[in-house]
Amino acid sequence: MTDGIEFGSRLHEFAEQYASGEDVDPQDDEQRRVRLLLDSMDGELRIEENAYLPLEVDGKQVTIQGIVDLVHVTNDTIGTV
């Protein structure tokens, strides 16, 4: 049985490569499900986008920053996957 971290890393790597348009073939059911999900999404897929989110916490303005693994962009919406 595959270790959870190793499994997650392999699945993440496949999803990133597939979303980038690389010629990769799914090796298991989970990767096939990722391919089906990504193929079902209209619009543009962007990988590893920098994100900044201003928030108010306890009356103070703070900013959370990080990297979003996958952003889905359509004419009407922007979401993360």
PDB file of N, CA and C in Angstrom:
ATOM      1  N   MET A   1       0.849  -1.189   0.000  1.00  0.00           N
ATOM      2  CA  MET A   1       0.000   0.000   0.000  1.00  0.00           C
ATOM      3  C   MET A   1       0.890   1.247   0.000  1.00  0.00           C
ATOM      4  N   THR A   2       0.460   2.244  -0.720  1.00  0.00           N
ATOM      5  CA  THR A   2       1.242   3.468  -0.857  1.00  0.00           C
ATOM      6  C   THR A   2       1.044   4.377   0.348  1.00  0.00           C
ATOM      7  N   ASP A   3       2.125   4.953   0.832  1.00  0.00           N
ATOM      8  CA  ASP A   3       2.090   5.925   1.915  1.00  0.00           C
ATOM      9  C   ASP A   3       1.237   7.115   1.512  1.00  0.00           C
ATOM     10  N   GLY A   4       0.469   7.659   2.445  1.00  0.00           N
ATOM     11  CA  GLY A   4      -0.437   8.770   2.147  1.00  0.00           C
ATOM     12  C   GLY A   4       0.259   9.981   1.566  1.00  0.00           C
ATOM     13  N   ILE A   5       1.414  10.348   2.106  1.00  0.00           N
ATOM     14  CA  ILE A   5       2.148  11.513   1.603  1.00  0.00           C
ATOM     15  C   ILE A   5       2.667  11.242   0.201  1.00  0.00           C
ATOM     16  N   GLU A   6       3.211  10.053  -0.005  1.00  0.00           N
ATOM     17  CA  GLU A   6       3.717   9.694  -1.333  1.00  0.00           C
ATOM     18  C   GLU A   6       2.569   9.689  -2.354  1.00  0.00           C
ATOM     19  N   PHE A   7       1.429   9.104  -1.967  1.00  0.00           N
ATOM     20  CA  PHE A   7       0.258   9.067  -2.840  1.00  0.00           C
ATOM     21  C   PHE A   7      -0.194  10.482  -3.197  1.00  0.00           C
ATOM     22  N   GLY A   8      -0.321  11.334  -2.191  1.00  0.00           N
ATOM     23  CA  GLY A   8      -0.761  12.714  -2.419  1.00  0.00           C
ATOM     24  C   GLY A   8       0.204  13.483  -3.308  1.00  0.00           C
ATOM     25  N   SER A   9       1.478  13.283  -3.089  1.00  0.00           N
ATOM     26  CA  SER A   9       2.488  13.967  -3.910  1.00  0.00           C
ATOM     27  C   SER A   9       2.417  13.517  -5.365  1.00  0.00           C
ATOM     28  N   ARG A  10       2.261  12.199  -5.575  1.00  0.00           N
ATOM     29  CA  ARG A  10       2.147  11.678  -6.948  1.00  0.00           C
ATOM     30  C   ARG A  10       0.897  12.213  -7.641  1.00  0.00           C
ATOM     31  N   LEU A  11      -0.230  12.239  -6.921  1.00  0.00           N
ATOM     32  CA  LEU A  11      -1.484  12.718  -7.503  1.00  0.00           C
ATOM     33  C   LEU A  11      -1.391  14.210  -7.813  1.00  0.00           C
ATOM     34  N   HIS A  12      -0.796  14.974  -6.900  1.00  0.00           N
ATOM     35  CA  HIS A  12      -0.615  16.412  -7.108  1.00  0.00           C
ATOM     36  C   HIS A  12       0.272  16.667  -8.321  1.00  0.00           C
ATOM     37  N   GLU A  13       1.361  15.939  -8.432  1.00  0.00           N
ATOM     38  CA  GLU A  13       2.277  16.102  -9.561  1.00  0.00           C
ATOM     39  C   GLU A  13       1.576  15.782 -10.875  1.00  0.00           C
ATOM     40  N   PHE A  14       0.797  14.699 -10.902  1.00  0.00           N
ATOM     41  CA  PHE A  14       0.049  14.359 -12.112  1.00  0.00           C
ATOM     42  C   PHE A  14      -0.913  15.491 -12.477  1.00  0.00           C
ATOM     43  N   ALA A  15      -1.683  15.970 -11.497  1.00  0.00           N
ATOM     44  CA  ALA A  15      -2.669  17.021 -11.759  1.00  0.00           C
ATOM     45  C   ALA A  15      -1.988  18.274 -12.306  1.00  0.00           C
ATOM     46  N   GLU A  16      -0.870  18.649 -11.728  1.00  0.00           N
ATOM     47  CA  GLU A  16      -0.145  19.833 -12.190  1.00  0.00           C
ATOM     48  C   GLU A  16       0.359  19.649 -13.621  1.00  0.00           C
ATOM     49  N   GLN A  17       0.940  18.500 -13.903  1.00  0.00           N
ATOM     50  CA  GLN A  17       1.435  18.234 -15.252  1.00  0.00           C
ATOM     51  C   GLN A  17       0.283  18.218 -16.259  1.00  0.00           C
ATOM     52  N   TYR A  18      -0.817  17.568 -15.911  1.00  0.00           N
ATOM     53  CA  TYR A  18      -1.958  17.475 -16.818  1.00  0.00           C
ATOM     54  C   TYR A  18      -2.560  18.858 -17.065  1.00  0.00           C
ATOM     55  N   ALA A  19      -2.726  19.643 -16.005  1.00  0.00           N
ATOM     56  CA  ALA A  19      -3.285  20.988 -16.140  1.00  0.00           C
ATOM     57  C   ALA A  19      -2.371  21.895 -16.960  1.00  0.00           C
ATOM     58  N   SER A  20      -1.066  21.606 -16.949  1.00  0.00           N
ATOM     59  CA  SER A  20      -0.100  22.397 -17.722  1.00  0.00           C
ATOM     60  C   SER A  20      -0.087  22.008 -19.194  1.00  0.00           C
ATOM     61  N   GLY A  21      -0.813  20.933 -19.535  1.00  0.00           N
ATOM     62  CA  GLY A  21      -0.854  20.503 -20.921  1.00  0.00           C
ATOM     63  C   GLY A  21       0.219  19.500 -21.294  1.00  0.00           C
ATOM     64  N   GLU A  22       0.941  18.997 -20.289  1.00  0.00           N
ATOM     65  CA  GLU A  22       1.953  17.986 -20.576  1.00  0.00           C
ATOM     66  C   GLU A  22       1.276  16.680 -20.997  1.00  0.00           C
ATOM     67  N   ASP A  23       1.966  15.899 -21.788  1.00  0.00           N
ATOM     68  CA  ASP A  23       1.451  14.627 -22.283  1.00  0.00           C
ATOM     69  C   ASP A  23       1.713  13.548 -21.242  1.00  0.00           C
ATOM     70  N   VAL A  24       0.811  13.436 -20.273  1.00  0.00           N
ATOM     71  CA  VAL A  24       0.933  12.429 -19.217  1.00  0.00           C
ATOM     72  C   VAL A  24      -0.293  11.527 -19.252  1.00  0.00           C
ATOM     73  N   ASP A  25      -0.083  10.259 -18.989  1.00  0.00           N
ATOM     74  CA  ASP A  25      -1.169   9.286 -18.949  1.00  0.00           C
ATOM     75  C   ASP A  25      -1.440   8.900 -17.505  1.00  0.00           C
ATOM     76  N   PRO A  26      -2.714   8.860 -17.126  1.00  0.00           N
ATOM     77  CA  PRO A  26      -3.043   8.445 -15.759  1.00  0.00           C
ATOM     78  C   PRO A  26      -2.624   7.004 -15.515  1.00  0.00           C
ATOM     79  N   GLN A  27      -2.105   6.762 -14.313  1.00  0.00           N
ATOM     80  CA  GLN A  27      -1.599   5.442 -13.958  1.00  0.00           C
ATOM     81  C   GLN A  27      -2.545   4.661 -13.039  1.00  0.00           C
ATOM     82  N   ASP A  28      -3.570   5.330 -12.498  1.00  0.00           N
ATOM     83  CA  ASP A  28      -4.495   4.651 -11.593  1.00  0.00           C
ATOM     84  C   ASP A  28      -5.850   5.352 -11.630  1.00  0.00           C
ATOM     85  N   ASP A  29      -6.815   4.809 -10.884  1.00  0.00           N
ATOM     86  CA  ASP A  29      -8.172   5.361 -10.893  1.00  0.00           C
ATOM     87  C   ASP A  29      -8.221   6.801 -10.403  1.00  0.00           C
ATOM     88  N   GLU A  30      -7.411   7.135  -9.397  1.00  0.00           N
ATOM     89  CA  GLU A  30      -7.427   8.494  -8.866  1.00  0.00           C
ATOM     90  C   GLU A  30      -6.943   9.496  -9.914  1.00  0.00           C
ATOM     91  N   GLN A  31      -5.888   9.160 -10.622  1.00  0.00           N
ATOM     92  CA  GLN A  31      -5.390  10.048 -11.673  1.00  0.00           C
ATOM     93  C   GLN A  31      -6.405  10.160 -12.811  1.00  0.00           C
ATOM     94  N   ARG A  32      -7.112   9.074 -13.107  1.00  0.00           N
ATOM     95  CA  ARG A  32      -8.162   9.142 -14.133  1.00  0.00           C
ATOM     96  C   ARG A  32      -9.290  10.070 -13.685  1.00  0.00           C
ATOM     97  N   ARG A  33      -9.630  10.033 -12.399  1.00  0.00           N
ATOM     98  CA  ARG A  33     -10.671  10.943 -11.876  1.00  0.00           C
ATOM     99  C   ARG A  33     -10.223  12.395 -11.968  1.00  0.00           C
ATOM    100  N   VAL A  34      -8.964  12.661 -11.669  1.00  0.00           N
ATOM    101  CA  VAL A  34      -8.427  14.021 -11.800  1.00  0.00           C
ATOM    102  C   VAL A  34      -8.516  14.474 -13.253  1.00  0.00           C
ATOM    103  N   ARG A  35      -8.133  13.601 -14.177  1.00  0.00           N
ATOM    104  CA  ARG A  35      -8.209  13.942 -15.601  1.00  0.00           C
ATOM    105  C   ARG A  35      -9.647  14.266 -16.002  1.00  0.00           C
ATOM    106  N   LEU A  36     -10.608  13.441 -15.565  1.00  0.00           N
ATOM    107  CA  LEU A  36     -12.020  13.695 -15.876  1.00  0.00           C
ATOM    108  C   LEU A  36     -12.488  15.031 -15.306  1.00  0.00           C
ATOM    109  N   LEU A  37     -12.094  15.314 -14.066  1.00  0.00           N
ATOM    110  CA  LEU A  37     -12.477  16.580 -13.450  1.00  0.00           C
ATOM    111  C   LEU A  37     -11.918  17.760 -14.231  1.00  0.00           C
ATOM    112  N   LEU A  38     -10.630  17.721 -14.524  1.00  0.00           N
ATOM    113  CA  LEU A  38     -10.008  18.840 -15.236  1.00  0.00           C
ATOM    114  C   LEU A  38     -10.570  18.982 -16.646  1.00  0.00           C
ATOM    115  N   ASP A  39     -10.840  17.862 -17.312  1.00  0.00           N
ATOM    116  CA  ASP A  39     -11.422  17.912 -18.660  1.00  0.00           C
ATOM    117  C   ASP A  39     -12.840  18.472 -18.642  1.00  0.00           C
ATOM    118  N   SER A  40     -13.546  18.329 -17.531  1.00  0.00           N
ATOM    119  CA  SER A  40     -14.927  18.807 -17.447  1.00  0.00           C
ATOM    120  C   SER A  40     -15.018  20.313 -17.213  1.00  0.00           C
ATOM    121  N   MET A  41     -13.898  20.958 -16.938  1.00  0.00           N
ATOM    122  CA  MET A  41     -13.907  22.375 -16.589  1.00  0.00           C
ATOM    123  C   MET A  41     -13.681  23.237 -17.826  1.00  0.00           C
ATOM    124  N   ASP A  42     -14.685  24.072 -18.134  1.00  0.00           N
ATOM    125  CA  ASP A  42     -14.516  25.048 -19.201  1.00  0.00           C
ATOM    126  C   ASP A  42     -13.630  26.172 -18.682  1.00  0.00           C
ATOM    127  N   GLY A  43     -13.027  26.901 -19.583  1.00  0.00           N
ATOM    128  CA  GLY A  43     -12.219  28.042 -19.169  1.00  0.00           C
ATOM    129  C   GLY A  43     -10.746  27.705 -19.127  1.00  0.00           C
ATOM    130  N   GLU A  44     -10.030  28.508 -18.375  1.00  0.00           N
ATOM    131  CA  GLU A  44      -8.569  28.420 -18.312  1.00  0.00           C
ATOM    132  C   GLU A  44      -8.136  27.875 -16.955  1.00  0.00           C
ATOM    133  N   LEU A  45      -7.151  27.009 -16.970  1.00  0.00           N
ATOM    134  CA  LEU A  45      -6.556  26.509 -15.732  1.00  0.00           C
ATOM    135  C   LEU A  45      -5.186  27.148 -15.565  1.00  0.00           C
ATOM    136  N   ARG A  46      -4.936  27.694 -14.399  1.00  0.00           N
ATOM    137  CA  ARG A  46      -3.628  28.280 -14.083  1.00  0.00           C
ATOM    138  C   ARG A  46      -3.064  27.546 -12.880  1.00  0.00           C
ATOM    139  N   ILE A  47      -1.804  27.180 -12.963  1.00  0.00           N
ATOM    140  CA  ILE A  47      -1.201  26.442 -11.855  1.00  0.00           C
ATOM    141  C   ILE A  47      -0.267  27.343 -11.060  1.00  0.00           C
ATOM    142  N   GLU A  48      -0.209  27.057  -9.774  1.00  0.00           N
ATOM    143  CA  GLU A  48       0.684  27.725  -8.833  1.00  0.00           C
ATOM    144  C   GLU A  48       0.677  29.245  -8.971  1.00  0.00           C
ATOM    145  N   GLU A  49      -0.498  29.822  -8.706  1.00  0.00           N
ATOM    146  CA  GLU A  49      -0.675  31.273  -8.744  1.00  0.00           C
ATOM    147  C   GLU A  49      -0.440  31.860  -7.354  1.00  0.00           C
ATOM    148  N   ASN A  50       0.303  32.956  -7.294  1.00  0.00           N
ATOM    149  CA  ASN A  50       0.470  33.669  -6.026  1.00  0.00           C
ATOM    150  C   ASN A  50      -0.857  34.310  -5.648  1.00  0.00           C
ATOM    151  N   ALA A  51      -1.185  34.243  -4.371  1.00  0.00           N
ATOM    152  CA  ALA A  51      -2.445  34.804  -3.892  1.00  0.00           C
ATOM    153  C   ALA A  51      -2.199  35.633  -2.636  1.00  0.00           C
ATOM    154  N   TYR A  52      -2.925  36.736  -2.540  1.00  0.00           N
ATOM    155  CA  TYR A  52      -2.859  37.628  -1.382  1.00  0.00           C
ATOM    156  C   TYR A  52      -4.284  37.929  -0.946  1.00  0.00           C
ATOM    157  N   LEU A  53      -4.583  37.730   0.321  1.00  0.00           N
ATOM    158  CA  LEU A  53      -5.931  37.920   0.828  1.00  0.00           C
ATOM    159  C   LEU A  53      -5.906  38.833   2.043  1.00  0.00           C
ATOM    160  N   PRO A  54      -6.365  40.081   1.858  1.00  0.00           N
ATOM    161  CA  PRO A  54      -6.429  40.978   3.016  1.00  0.00           C
ATOM    162  C   PRO A  54      -7.627  40.613   3.899  1.00  0.00           C
ATOM    163  N   LEU A  55      -7.398  40.562   5.201  1.00  0.00           N
ATOM    164  CA  LEU A  55      -8.442  40.228   6.171  1.00  0.00           C
ATOM    165  C   LEU A  55      -8.341  41.140   7.381  1.00  0.00           C
ATOM    166  N   GLU A  56      -9.460  41.259   8.094  1.00  0.00           N
ATOM    167  CA  GLU A  56      -9.423  41.937   9.383  1.00  0.00           C
ATOM    168  C   GLU A  56      -9.540  40.876  10.468  1.00  0.00           C
ATOM    169  N   VAL A  57      -8.563  40.861  11.375  1.00  0.00           N
ATOM    170  CA  VAL A  57      -8.539  39.898  12.471  1.00  0.00           C
ATOM    171  C   VAL A  57      -8.406  40.669  13.771  1.00  0.00           C
ATOM    172  N   ASP A  58      -9.379  40.527  14.641  1.00  0.00           N
ATOM    173  CA  ASP A  58      -9.380  41.235  15.930  1.00  0.00           C
ATOM    174  C   ASP A  58      -9.173  42.736  15.746  1.00  0.00           C
ATOM    175  N   GLY A  59      -9.818  43.298  14.731  1.00  0.00           N
ATOM    176  CA  GLY A  59      -9.739  44.732  14.495  1.00  0.00           C
ATOM    177  C   GLY A  59      -8.478  45.196  13.792  1.00  0.00           C
ATOM    178  N   LYS A  60      -7.598  44.281  13.432  1.00  0.00           N
ATOM    179  CA  LYS A  60      -6.354  44.644  12.755  1.00  0.00           C
ATOM    180  C   LYS A  60      -6.372  44.103  11.330  1.00  0.00           C
ATOM    181  N   GLN A  61      -5.836  44.879  10.415  1.00  0.00           N
ATOM    182  CA  GLN A  61      -5.733  44.456   9.020  1.00  0.00           C
ATOM    183  C   GLN A  61      -4.508  43.564   8.844  1.00  0.00           C
ATOM    184  N   VAL A  62      -4.717  42.365   8.329  1.00  0.00           N
ATOM    185  CA  VAL A  62      -3.627  41.437   8.051  1.00  0.00           C
ATOM    186  C   VAL A  62      -3.763  40.948   6.617  1.00  0.00           C
ATOM    187  N   THR A  63      -2.696  40.423   6.080  1.00  0.00           N
ATOM    188  CA  THR A  63      -2.723  39.847   4.741  1.00  0.00           C
ATOM    189  C   THR A  63      -2.167  38.438   4.801  1.00  0.00           C
ATOM    190  N   ILE A  64      -2.939  37.513   4.263  1.00  0.00           N
ATOM    191  CA  ILE A  64      -2.483  36.134   4.132  1.00  0.00           C
ATOM    192  C   ILE A  64      -1.960  35.981   2.715  1.00  0.00           C
ATOM    193  N   GLN A  65      -0.809  35.377   2.570  1.00  0.00           N
ATOM    194  CA  GLN A  65      -0.273  35.164   1.232  1.00  0.00           C
ATOM    195  C   GLN A  65       0.179  33.727   1.097  1.00  0.00           C
ATOM    196  N   GLY A  66       0.090  33.230  -0.127  1.00  0.00           N
ATOM    197  CA  GLY A  66       0.499  31.859  -0.385  1.00  0.00           C
ATOM    198  C   GLY A  66       0.400  31.547  -1.863  1.00  0.00           C
ATOM    199  N   ILE A  67       0.499  30.288  -2.173  1.00  0.00           N
ATOM    200  CA  ILE A  67       0.412  29.835  -3.556  1.00  0.00           C
ATOM    201  C   ILE A  67      -0.784  28.909  -3.681  1.00  0.00           C
ATOM    202  N   VAL A  68      -1.649  29.209  -4.646  1.00  0.00           N
ATOM    203  CA  VAL A  68      -2.811  28.367  -4.931  1.00  0.00           C
ATOM    204  C   VAL A  68      -2.385  27.357  -5.994  1.00  0.00           C
ATOM    205  N   ASP A  69      -2.588  26.080  -5.720  1.00  0.00           N
ATOM    206  CA  ASP A  69      -2.150  25.031  -6.639  1.00  0.00           C
ATOM    207  C   ASP A  69      -2.808  25.130  -8.007  1.00  0.00           C
ATOM    208  N   LEU A  70      -4.121  25.358  -8.047  1.00  0.00           N
ATOM    209  CA  LEU A  70      -4.830  25.389  -9.318  1.00  0.00           C
ATOM    210  C   LEU A  70      -5.950  26.411  -9.259  1.00  0.00           C
ATOM    211  N   VAL A  71      -5.951  27.327 -10.208  1.00  0.00           N
ATOM    212  CA  VAL A  71      -6.987  28.351 -10.323  1.00  0.00           C
ATOM    213  C   VAL A  71      -7.750  28.085 -11.610  1.00  0.00           C
ATOM    214  N   HIS A  72      -9.082  28.134 -11.509  1.00  0.00           N
ATOM    215  CA  HIS A  72      -9.965  27.905 -12.654  1.00  0.00           C
ATOM    216  C   HIS A  72     -10.612  29.236 -13.021  1.00  0.00           C
ATOM    217  N   VAL A  73     -10.381  29.702 -14.266  1.00  0.00           N
ATOM    218  CA  VAL A  73     -10.853  31.008 -14.705  1.00  0.00           C
ATOM    219  C   VAL A  73     -11.845  30.836 -15.845  1.00  0.00           C
ATOM    220  N   THR A  74     -13.052  31.419 -15.696  1.00  0.00           N
ATOM    221  CA  THR A  74     -14.019  31.470 -16.787  1.00  0.00           C
ATOM    222  C   THR A  74     -14.376  32.937 -17.018  1.00  0.00           C
ATOM    223  N   ASN A  75     -15.239  33.198 -17.971  1.00  0.00           N
ATOM    224  CA  ASN A  75     -15.665  34.577 -18.223  1.00  0.00           C
ATOM    225  C   ASN A  75     -16.389  35.171 -17.025  1.00  0.00           C
ATOM    226  N   ASP A  76     -17.041  34.330 -16.217  1.00  0.00           N
ATOM    227  CA  ASP A  76     -17.870  34.815 -15.119  1.00  0.00           C
ATOM    228  C   ASP A  76     -17.276  34.644 -13.727  1.00  0.00           C
ATOM    229  N   THR A  77     -16.358  33.700 -13.574  1.00  0.00           N
ATOM    230  CA  THR A  77     -15.867  33.388 -12.230  1.00  0.00           C
ATOM    231  C   THR A  77     -14.379  33.045 -12.225  1.00  0.00           C
ATOM    232  N   ILE A  78     -13.832  33.140 -11.030  1.00  0.00           N
ATOM    233  CA  ILE A  78     -12.484  32.641 -10.774  1.00  0.00           C
ATOM    234  C   ILE A  78     -12.601  31.814  -9.498  1.00  0.00           C
ATOM    235  N   GLY A  79     -12.125  30.592  -9.538  1.00  0.00           N
ATOM    236  CA  GLY A  79     -12.200  29.724  -8.380  1.00  0.00           C
ATOM    237  C   GLY A  79     -10.946  28.910  -8.232  1.00  0.00           C
ATOM    238  N   THR A  80     -10.821  28.252  -7.095  1.00  0.00           N
ATOM    239  CA  THR A  80      -9.669  27.393  -6.868  1.00  0.00           C
ATOM    240  C   THR A  80     -10.129  25.948  -6.827  1.00  0.00           C
ATOM    241  N   VAL A  81      -9.235  25.085  -7.193  1.00  0.00           N
ATOM    242  CA  VAL A  81      -9.526  23.647  -7.206  1.00  0.00           C
ATOM    243  C   VAL A  81      -8.526  22.969  -6.300  1.00  0.00           C
TER     244      VAL A  81
END
